[in-house]
Amino acid sequence: MASSKEYLDYILDQLSELDDISYRAMMGEYIIYYRGKVVGGVYDDRFLVKPVKAAVALMPDADLELPYEGAKKMLLVDDVENREFLRELLDAMCDELPAPKKK
């Protein structure tokens, strides 16, 4: 099941307080970038983030879910209504994420 553009738009609106949020469509799903780094994505109308230490610390009870078959598990963000939490989450994760690879 692919994600809807409406759900992506909702997540992007919830993240609108953050500078430098972008996305890229990929096979019916959407990769979410913050400051050029991949933080997670929208998969099957779920917002999933990489399970880095900061994300696990902020969401210790979050479910680990597969974004798609054959992928590594990611953390399900349940509290997508809370813009303050989403800003805190992505800011905390950003330092732990690898810099984008040069092409």
C-alpha atoms as a PDB file:
ATOM      1  CA  MET A   1       0.000   0.000   0.000  1.00  0.00           C
ATOM      2  CA  ALA A   2       1.481   3.340  -1.000  1.00  0.00           C
ATOM      3  CA  SER A   3       1.241   6.453   1.142  1.00  0.00           C
ATOM      4  CA  SER A   4      -1.214   9.170   0.257  1.00  0.00           C
ATOM      5  CA  LYS A   5      -0.072  12.631  -0.756  1.00  0.00           C
ATOM      6  CA  GLU A   6      -2.556  13.979   1.811  1.00  0.00           C
ATOM      7  CA  TYR A   7      -0.781  12.196   4.681  1.00  0.00           C
ATOM      8  CA  LEU A   8       2.589  13.434   3.432  1.00  0.00           C
ATOM      9  CA  ASP A   9       1.206  16.985   3.288  1.00  0.00           C
ATOM     10  CA  TYR A  10      -0.085  16.601   6.857  1.00  0.00           C
ATOM     11  CA  ILE A  11       3.327  15.451   8.130  1.00  0.00           C
ATOM     12  CA  LEU A  12       5.098  18.249   6.236  1.00  0.00           C
ATOM     13  CA  ASP A  13       2.672  20.752   7.776  1.00  0.00           C
ATOM     14  CA  GLN A  14       3.397  19.346  11.240  1.00  0.00           C
ATOM     15  CA  LEU A  15       7.145  19.777  10.532  1.00  0.00           C
ATOM     16  CA  SER A  16       6.724  23.273   9.069  1.00  0.00           C
ATOM     17  CA  GLU A  17       8.274  24.976  12.117  1.00  0.00           C
ATOM     18  CA  LEU A  18      11.605  23.369  11.201  1.00  0.00           C
ATOM     19  CA  ASP A  19      13.853  24.955   8.595  1.00  0.00           C
ATOM     20  CA  ASP A  20      15.260  22.864   5.769  1.00  0.00           C
ATOM     21  CA  ILE A  21      12.690  20.041   5.645  1.00  0.00           C
ATOM     22  CA  SER A  22      12.432  18.343   2.280  1.00  0.00           C
ATOM     23  CA  TYR A  23      11.201  15.071   0.848  1.00  0.00           C
ATOM     24  CA  ARG A  24      11.630  12.810  -2.127  1.00  0.00           C
ATOM     25  CA  ALA A  25       9.090  10.398  -3.536  1.00  0.00           C
ATOM     26  CA  MET A  26      10.339   6.851  -3.884  1.00  0.00           C
ATOM     27  CA  MET A  27       8.231   3.927  -5.092  1.00  0.00           C
ATOM     28  CA  GLY A  28       4.950   5.258  -3.678  1.00  0.00           C
ATOM     29  CA  GLU A  29       6.502   6.306  -0.381  1.00  0.00           C
ATOM     30  CA  TYR A  30       8.306   9.467   0.768  1.00  0.00           C
ATOM     31  CA  ILE A  31      11.782   9.928   2.253  1.00  0.00           C
ATOM     32  CA  ILE A  32      11.954  12.863   4.707  1.00  0.00           C
ATOM     33  CA  TYR A  33      15.138  14.947   4.971  1.00  0.00           C
ATOM     34  CA  TYR A  34      16.113  17.432   7.666  1.00  0.00           C
ATOM     35  CA  ARG A  35      19.100  19.671   6.945  1.00  0.00           C
ATOM     36  CA  GLY A  36      19.948  17.375   4.053  1.00  0.00           C
ATOM     37  CA  LYS A  37      20.039  14.233   6.225  1.00  0.00           C
ATOM     38  CA  VAL A  38      17.593  11.339   5.980  1.00  0.00           C
ATOM     39  CA  VAL A  39      15.608  11.250   9.236  1.00  0.00           C
ATOM     40  CA  GLY A  40      12.917   8.826   8.142  1.00  0.00           C
ATOM     41  CA  GLY A  41       9.923   8.751   5.896  1.00  0.00           C
ATOM     42  CA  VAL A  42       6.245   8.262   5.288  1.00  0.00           C
ATOM     43  CA  TYR A  43       5.518   4.590   4.615  1.00  0.00           C
ATOM     44  CA  ASP A  44       1.976   3.199   4.311  1.00  0.00           C
ATOM     45  CA  ASP A  45       0.671   6.437   5.849  1.00  0.00           C
ATOM     46  CA  ARG A  46       2.921   6.030   8.902  1.00  0.00           C
ATOM     47  CA  PHE A  47       5.689   8.446   9.929  1.00  0.00           C
ATOM     48  CA  LEU A  48       8.762   6.354  10.724  1.00  0.00           C
ATOM     49  CA  VAL A  49      12.183   7.617  11.832  1.00  0.00           C
ATOM     50  CA  LYS A  50      15.612   6.051  12.075  1.00  0.00           C
ATOM     51  CA  PRO A  51      16.204   4.384  15.446  1.00  0.00           C
ATOM     52  CA  VAL A  52      19.185   6.516  16.517  1.00  0.00           C
ATOM     53  CA  LYS A  53      19.913   6.893  20.256  1.00  0.00           C
ATOM     54  CA  ALA A  54      18.204  10.280  20.550  1.00  0.00           C
ATOM     55  CA  ALA A  55      14.998   8.989  18.955  1.00  0.00           C
ATOM     56  CA  VAL A  56      14.940   5.896  21.157  1.00  0.00           C
ATOM     57  CA  ALA A  57      15.524   8.081  24.247  1.00  0.00           C
ATOM     58  CA  LEU A  58      12.614  10.383  23.327  1.00  0.00           C
ATOM     59  CA  MET A  59      10.303   7.497  22.354  1.00  0.00           C
ATOM     60  CA  PRO A  60      11.354   4.537  24.550  1.00  0.00           C
ATOM     61  CA  ASP A  61       8.042   2.718  24.032  1.00  0.00           C
ATOM     62  CA  ALA A  62       7.790   3.281  20.269  1.00  0.00           C
ATOM     63  CA  ASP A  63       7.149   0.269  18.078  1.00  0.00           C
ATOM     64  CA  LEU A  64       9.860  -0.850  15.662  1.00  0.00           C
ATOM     65  CA  GLU A  65       8.233  -1.408  12.289  1.00  0.00           C
ATOM     66  CA  LEU A  66       9.342  -2.326   8.795  1.00  0.00           C
ATOM     67  CA  PRO A  67       8.896   0.535   6.338  1.00  0.00           C
ATOM     68  CA  TYR A  68       8.818  -2.020   3.504  1.00  0.00           C
ATOM     69  CA  GLU A  69       9.842  -5.631   2.923  1.00  0.00           C
ATOM     70  CA  GLY A  70      13.603  -6.158   3.245  1.00  0.00           C
ATOM     71  CA  ALA A  71      14.299  -2.833   4.996  1.00  0.00           C
ATOM     72  CA  LYS A  72      15.703  -2.196   8.470  1.00  0.00           C
ATOM     73  CA  LYS A  73      13.140  -1.537  11.174  1.00  0.00           C
ATOM     74  CA  MET A  74      12.350   2.062  12.064  1.00  0.00           C
ATOM     75  CA  LEU A  75      10.582   3.747  14.973  1.00  0.00           C
ATOM     76  CA  LEU A  76       6.888   4.565  14.569  1.00  0.00           C
ATOM     77  CA  VAL A  77       6.133   8.153  15.584  1.00  0.00           C
ATOM     78  CA  ASP A  78       2.737   8.027  17.307  1.00  0.00           C
ATOM     79  CA  ASP A  79       2.617  11.638  18.480  1.00  0.00           C
ATOM     80  CA  VAL A  80       2.451  13.292  15.047  1.00  0.00           C
ATOM     81  CA  GLU A  81      -0.092  15.843  16.324  1.00  0.00           C
ATOM     82  CA  ASN A  82       2.505  17.402  18.660  1.00  0.00           C
ATOM     83  CA  ARG A  83       4.584  19.889  16.625  1.00  0.00           C
ATOM     84  CA  GLU A  84       6.778  20.773  19.618  1.00  0.00           C
ATOM     85  CA  PHE A  85       7.661  17.099  20.116  1.00  0.00           C
ATOM     86  CA  LEU A  86       8.378  16.604  16.404  1.00  0.00           C
ATOM     87  CA  ARG A  87      10.717  19.611  16.396  1.00  0.00           C
ATOM     88  CA  GLU A  88      12.515  18.321  19.498  1.00  0.00           C
ATOM     89  CA  LEU A  89      12.754  14.829  17.997  1.00  0.00           C
ATOM     90  CA  LEU A  90      14.259  15.882  14.660  1.00  0.00           C
ATOM     91  CA  ASP A  91      16.616  18.409  16.269  1.00  0.00           C
ATOM     92  CA  ALA A  92      17.879  15.732  18.671  1.00  0.00           C
ATOM     93  CA  MET A  93      18.316  13.184  15.881  1.00  0.00           C
ATOM     94  CA  CYS A  94      20.117  15.481  13.453  1.00  0.00           C
ATOM     95  CA  ASP A  95      23.556  15.414  15.104  1.00  0.00           C
ATOM     96  CA  GLU A  96      23.580  11.610  15.167  1.00  0.00           C
ATOM     97  CA  LEU A  97      22.683  11.133  11.524  1.00  0.00           C
ATOM     98  CA  PRO A  98      25.430  10.772   8.917  1.00  0.00           C
ATOM     99  CA  ALA A  99      26.109  13.612   6.512  1.00  0.00           C
ATOM    100  CA  PRO A 100      24.759  13.077   2.997  1.00  0.00           C
ATOM    101  CA  LYS A 101      27.131  11.230   0.693  1.00  0.00           C
ATOM    102  CA  LYS A 102      28.788  13.226  -2.052  1.00  0.00           C
ATOM    103  CA  LYS A 103      27.690  12.219  -5.534  1.00  0.00           C
END
